Amino acid sequence: MLTGGPGAGKTAVLELIRKSFCEHILVLPESASILFSGGFIRGESDVS
């Protein structure tokens, strides 16, 4: 598992690993991307 904050380079590192090991590595999208692109409605303002 690879974790880190936004802009930390996680995707870049995973792409380098995937290119080095070819078909032996599977990169899955982050869960937030799946939820938000699948119809999960986000509000326009912050929740307090």
PDB file of N, CA and C in Angstrom:
ATOM      1  N   MET A   1       0.845  -1.167   0.000  1.00  0.00           N
ATOM      2  CA  MET A   1       0.000   0.000   0.000  1.00  0.00           C
ATOM      3  C   MET A   1       0.893   1.234   0.000  1.00  0.00           C
ATOM      4  N   LEU A   2       0.477   2.223  -0.774  1.00  0.00           N
ATOM      5  CA  LEU A   2       1.211   3.481  -0.863  1.00  0.00           C
ATOM      6  C   LEU A   2       0.270   4.598  -0.428  1.00  0.00           C
ATOM      7  N   THR A   3       0.662   5.338   0.598  1.00  0.00           N
ATOM      8  CA  THR A   3      -0.189   6.406   1.100  1.00  0.00           C
ATOM      9  C   THR A   3       0.584   7.716   1.147  1.00  0.00           C
ATOM     10  N   GLY A   4      -0.149   8.820   1.242  1.00  0.00           N
ATOM     11  CA  GLY A   4       0.465  10.136   1.342  1.00  0.00           C
ATOM     12  C   GLY A   4      -0.555  11.212   1.014  1.00  0.00           C
ATOM     13  N   GLY A   5      -0.211  12.418   1.290  1.00  0.00           N
ATOM     14  CA  GLY A   5      -1.111  13.538   1.066  1.00  0.00           C
ATOM     15  C   GLY A   5      -1.234  13.910  -0.400  1.00  0.00           C
ATOM     16  N   PRO A   6      -2.156  14.826  -0.709  1.00  0.00           N
ATOM     17  CA  PRO A   6      -2.337  15.282  -2.087  1.00  0.00           C
ATOM     18  C   PRO A   6      -1.048  15.892  -2.636  1.00  0.00           C
ATOM     19  N   GLY A   7      -0.695  15.520  -3.845  1.00  0.00           N
ATOM     20  CA  GLY A   7       0.487  16.086  -4.486  1.00  0.00           C
ATOM     21  C   GLY A   7       1.807  15.511  -3.991  1.00  0.00           C
ATOM     22  N   ALA A   8       1.760  14.403  -3.256  1.00  0.00           N
ATOM     23  CA  ALA A   8       2.988  13.820  -2.709  1.00  0.00           C
ATOM     24  C   ALA A   8       3.744  12.964  -3.722  1.00  0.00           C
ATOM     25  N   GLY A   9       3.123  12.689  -4.877  1.00  0.00           N
ATOM     26  CA  GLY A   9       3.810  11.918  -5.908  1.00  0.00           C
ATOM     27  C   GLY A   9       3.456  10.441  -5.933  1.00  0.00           C
ATOM     28  N   LYS A  10       2.374  10.063  -5.260  1.00  0.00           N
ATOM     29  CA  LYS A  10       1.975   8.652  -5.209  1.00  0.00           C
ATOM     30  C   LYS A  10       1.704   8.088  -6.595  1.00  0.00           C
ATOM     31  N   THR A  11       0.958   8.809  -7.398  1.00  0.00           N
ATOM     32  CA  THR A  11       0.621   8.341  -8.740  1.00  0.00           C
ATOM     33  C   THR A  11       1.869   8.234  -9.602  1.00  0.00           C
ATOM     34  N   ALA A  12       2.770   9.193  -9.495  1.00  0.00           N
ATOM     35  CA  ALA A  12       4.011   9.160 -10.274  1.00  0.00           C
ATOM     36  C   ALA A  12       4.855   7.944  -9.902  1.00  0.00           C
ATOM     37  N   VAL A  13       4.975   7.659  -8.616  1.00  0.00           N
ATOM     38  CA  VAL A  13       5.742   6.501  -8.160  1.00  0.00           C
ATOM     39  C   VAL A  13       5.094   5.209  -8.656  1.00  0.00           C
ATOM     40  N   LEU A  14       3.776   5.116  -8.549  1.00  0.00           N
ATOM     41  CA  LEU A  14       3.079   3.914  -9.013  1.00  0.00           C
ATOM     42  C   LEU A  14       3.251   3.702 -10.510  1.00  0.00           C
ATOM     43  N   GLU A  15       3.224   4.770 -11.287  1.00  0.00           N
ATOM     44  CA  GLU A  15       3.424   4.637 -12.736  1.00  0.00           C
ATOM     45  C   GLU A  15       4.837   4.158 -13.058  1.00  0.00           C
ATOM     46  N   LEU A  16       5.832   4.655 -12.337  1.00  0.00           N
ATOM     47  CA  LEU A  16       7.205   4.188 -12.538  1.00  0.00           C
ATOM     48  C   LEU A  16       7.348   2.705 -12.185  1.00  0.00           C
ATOM     49  N   ILE A  17       6.730   2.303 -11.090  1.00  0.00           N
ATOM     50  CA  ILE A  17       6.765   0.891 -10.692  1.00  0.00           C
ATOM     51  C   ILE A  17       6.070   0.035 -11.738  1.00  0.00           C
ATOM     52  N   ARG A  18       4.909   0.476 -12.203  1.00  0.00           N
ATOM     53  CA  ARG A  18       4.160  -0.277 -13.201  1.00  0.00           C
ATOM     54  C   ARG A  18       4.962  -0.435 -14.488  1.00  0.00           C
ATOM     55  N   LYS A  19       5.625   0.613 -14.915  1.00  0.00           N
ATOM     56  CA  LYS A  19       6.428   0.539 -16.142  1.00  0.00           C
ATOM     57  C   LYS A  19       7.631  -0.384 -15.971  1.00  0.00           C
ATOM     58  N   SER A  20       8.194  -0.437 -14.772  1.00  0.00           N
ATOM     59  CA  SER A  20       9.356  -1.285 -14.520  1.00  0.00           C
ATOM     60  C   SER A  20       8.992  -2.765 -14.449  1.00  0.00           C
ATOM     61  N   PHE A  21       7.821  -3.069 -13.889  1.00  0.00           N
ATOM     62  CA  PHE A  21       7.433  -4.466 -13.686  1.00  0.00           C
ATOM     63  C   PHE A  21       6.360  -4.940 -14.660  1.00  0.00           C
ATOM     64  N   CYS A  22       5.965  -4.098 -15.592  1.00  0.00           N
ATOM     65  CA  CYS A  22       4.994  -4.434 -16.656  1.00  0.00           C
ATOM     66  C   CYS A  22       3.694  -4.979 -16.108  1.00  0.00           C
ATOM     67  N   GLU A  23       3.259  -6.117 -16.636  1.00  0.00           N
ATOM     68  CA  GLU A  23       1.937  -6.667 -16.326  1.00  0.00           C
ATOM     69  C   GLU A  23       1.845  -7.271 -14.928  1.00  0.00           C
ATOM     70  N   HIS A  24       2.935  -7.323 -14.187  1.00  0.00           N
ATOM     71  CA  HIS A  24       2.925  -7.925 -12.860  1.00  0.00           C
ATOM     72  C   HIS A  24       2.379  -6.979 -11.789  1.00  0.00           C
ATOM     73  N   ILE A  25       2.174  -5.725 -12.136  1.00  0.00           N
ATOM     74  CA  ILE A  25       1.689  -4.724 -11.185  1.00  0.00           C
ATOM     75  C   ILE A  25       0.339  -4.197 -11.662  1.00  0.00           C
ATOM     76  N   LEU A  26      -0.611  -4.140 -10.747  1.00  0.00           N
ATOM     77  CA  LEU A  26      -1.934  -3.590 -11.045  1.00  0.00           C
ATOM     78  C   LEU A  26      -2.125  -2.344 -10.188  1.00  0.00           C
ATOM     79  N   VAL A  27      -2.437  -1.222 -10.826  1.00  0.00           N
ATOM     80  CA  VAL A  27      -2.658   0.036 -10.118  1.00  0.00           C
ATOM     81  C   VAL A  27      -4.148   0.326 -10.116  1.00  0.00           C
ATOM     82  N   LEU A  28      -4.727   0.420  -8.927  1.00  0.00           N
ATOM     83  CA  LEU A  28      -6.149   0.711  -8.771  1.00  0.00           C
ATOM     84  C   LEU A  28      -6.352   2.185  -8.476  1.00  0.00           C
ATOM     85  N   PRO A  29      -7.463   2.772  -8.936  1.00  0.00           N
ATOM     86  CA  PRO A  29      -7.725   4.173  -8.628  1.00  0.00           C
ATOM     87  C   PRO A  29      -8.079   4.355  -7.155  1.00  0.00           C
ATOM     88  N   GLU A  30      -7.861   5.558  -6.649  1.00  0.00           N
ATOM     89  CA  GLU A  30      -8.201   5.830  -5.254  1.00  0.00           C
ATOM     90  C   GLU A  30      -9.702   5.766  -5.056  1.00  0.00           C
ATOM     91  N   SER A  31     -10.126   5.438  -3.859  1.00  0.00           N
ATOM     92  CA  SER A  31     -11.549   5.257  -3.574  1.00  0.00           C
ATOM     93  C   SER A  31     -12.354   6.547  -3.768  1.00  0.00           C
ATOM     94  N   ALA A  32     -11.771   7.700  -3.427  1.00  0.00           N
ATOM     95  CA  ALA A  32     -12.495   8.967  -3.600  1.00  0.00           C
ATOM     96  C   ALA A  32     -12.815   9.209  -5.072  1.00  0.00           C
ATOM     97  N   SER A  33     -11.881   8.898  -5.959  1.00  0.00           N
ATOM     98  CA  SER A  33     -12.132   9.072  -7.394  1.00  0.00           C
ATOM     99  C   SER A  33     -13.265   8.177  -7.872  1.00  0.00           C
ATOM    100  N   ILE A  34     -13.310   6.953  -7.364  1.00  0.00           N
ATOM    101  CA  ILE A  34     -14.376   6.023  -7.736  1.00  0.00           C
ATOM    102  C   ILE A  34     -15.722   6.555  -7.254  1.00  0.00           C
ATOM    103  N   LEU A  35     -15.781   6.969  -5.998  1.00  0.00           N
ATOM    104  CA  LEU A  35     -17.048   7.456  -5.441  1.00  0.00           C
ATOM    105  C   LEU A  35     -17.544   8.710  -6.146  1.00  0.00           C
ATOM    106  N   PHE A  36     -16.657   9.681  -6.342  1.00  0.00           N
ATOM    107  CA  PHE A  36     -17.078  10.954  -6.919  1.00  0.00           C
ATOM    108  C   PHE A  36     -17.413  10.839  -8.398  1.00  0.00           C
ATOM    109  N   SER A  37     -16.781   9.934  -9.127  1.00  0.00           N
ATOM    110  CA  SER A  37     -17.097   9.777 -10.548  1.00  0.00           C
ATOM    111  C   SER A  37     -18.286   8.858 -10.768  1.00  0.00           C
ATOM    112  N   GLY A  38     -18.713   8.158  -9.719  1.00  0.00           N
ATOM    113  CA  GLY A  38     -19.811   7.212  -9.853  1.00  0.00           C
ATOM    114  C   GLY A  38     -21.156   7.764  -9.433  1.00  0.00           C
ATOM    115  N   GLY A  39     -21.290   9.068  -9.349  1.00  0.00           N
ATOM    116  CA  GLY A  39     -22.574   9.648  -9.019  1.00  0.00           C
ATOM    117  C   GLY A  39     -22.713  10.099  -7.578  1.00  0.00           C
ATOM    118  N   PHE A  40     -21.674   9.965  -6.777  1.00  0.00           N
ATOM    119  CA  PHE A  40     -21.729  10.441  -5.399  1.00  0.00           C
ATOM    120  C   PHE A  40     -21.746  11.964  -5.434  1.00  0.00           C
ATOM    121  N   ILE A  41     -22.791  12.565  -4.918  1.00  0.00           N
ATOM    122  CA  ILE A  41     -22.985  14.012  -5.022  1.00  0.00           C
ATOM    123  C   ILE A  41     -22.175  14.719  -3.930  1.00  0.00           C
ATOM    124  N   ARG A  42     -21.386  15.683  -4.368  1.00  0.00           N
ATOM    125  CA  ARG A  42     -20.618  16.519  -3.437  1.00  0.00           C
ATOM    126  C   ARG A  42     -21.298  17.857  -3.288  1.00  0.00           C
ATOM    127  N   GLY A  43     -21.308  18.392  -2.080  1.00  0.00           N
ATOM    128  CA  GLY A  43     -21.908  19.686  -1.831  1.00  0.00           C
ATOM    129  C   GLY A  43     -21.032  20.816  -2.350  1.00  0.00           C
ATOM    130  N   GLU A  44     -21.607  21.990  -2.436  1.00  0.00           N
ATOM    131  CA  GLU A  44     -20.882  23.163  -2.922  1.00  0.00           C
ATOM    132  C   GLU A  44     -20.109  23.865  -1.813  1.00  0.00           C
ATOM    133  N   SER A  45     -20.457  23.609  -0.544  1.00  0.00           N
ATOM    134  CA  SER A  45     -19.786  24.305   0.556  1.00  0.00           C
ATOM    135  C   SER A  45     -19.258  23.296   1.563  1.00  0.00           C
ATOM    136  N   ASP A  46     -18.399  23.775   2.461  1.00  0.00           N
ATOM    137  CA  ASP A  46     -17.845  22.924   3.521  1.00  0.00           C
ATOM    138  C   ASP A  46     -18.918  22.617   4.545  1.00  0.00           C
ATOM    139  N   VAL A  47     -18.842  21.422   5.090  1.00  0.00           N
ATOM    140  CA  VAL A  47     -19.754  21.021   6.154  1.00  0.00           C
ATOM    141  C   VAL A  47     -19.114  21.362   7.490  1.00  0.00           C
ATOM    142  N   SER A  48     -19.854  22.024   8.369  1.00  0.00           N
ATOM    143  CA  SER A  48     -19.298  22.412   9.666  1.00  0.00           C
ATOM    144  C   SER A  48     -19.825  21.519  10.737  1.00  0.00           C
TER     145      SER A  48
END
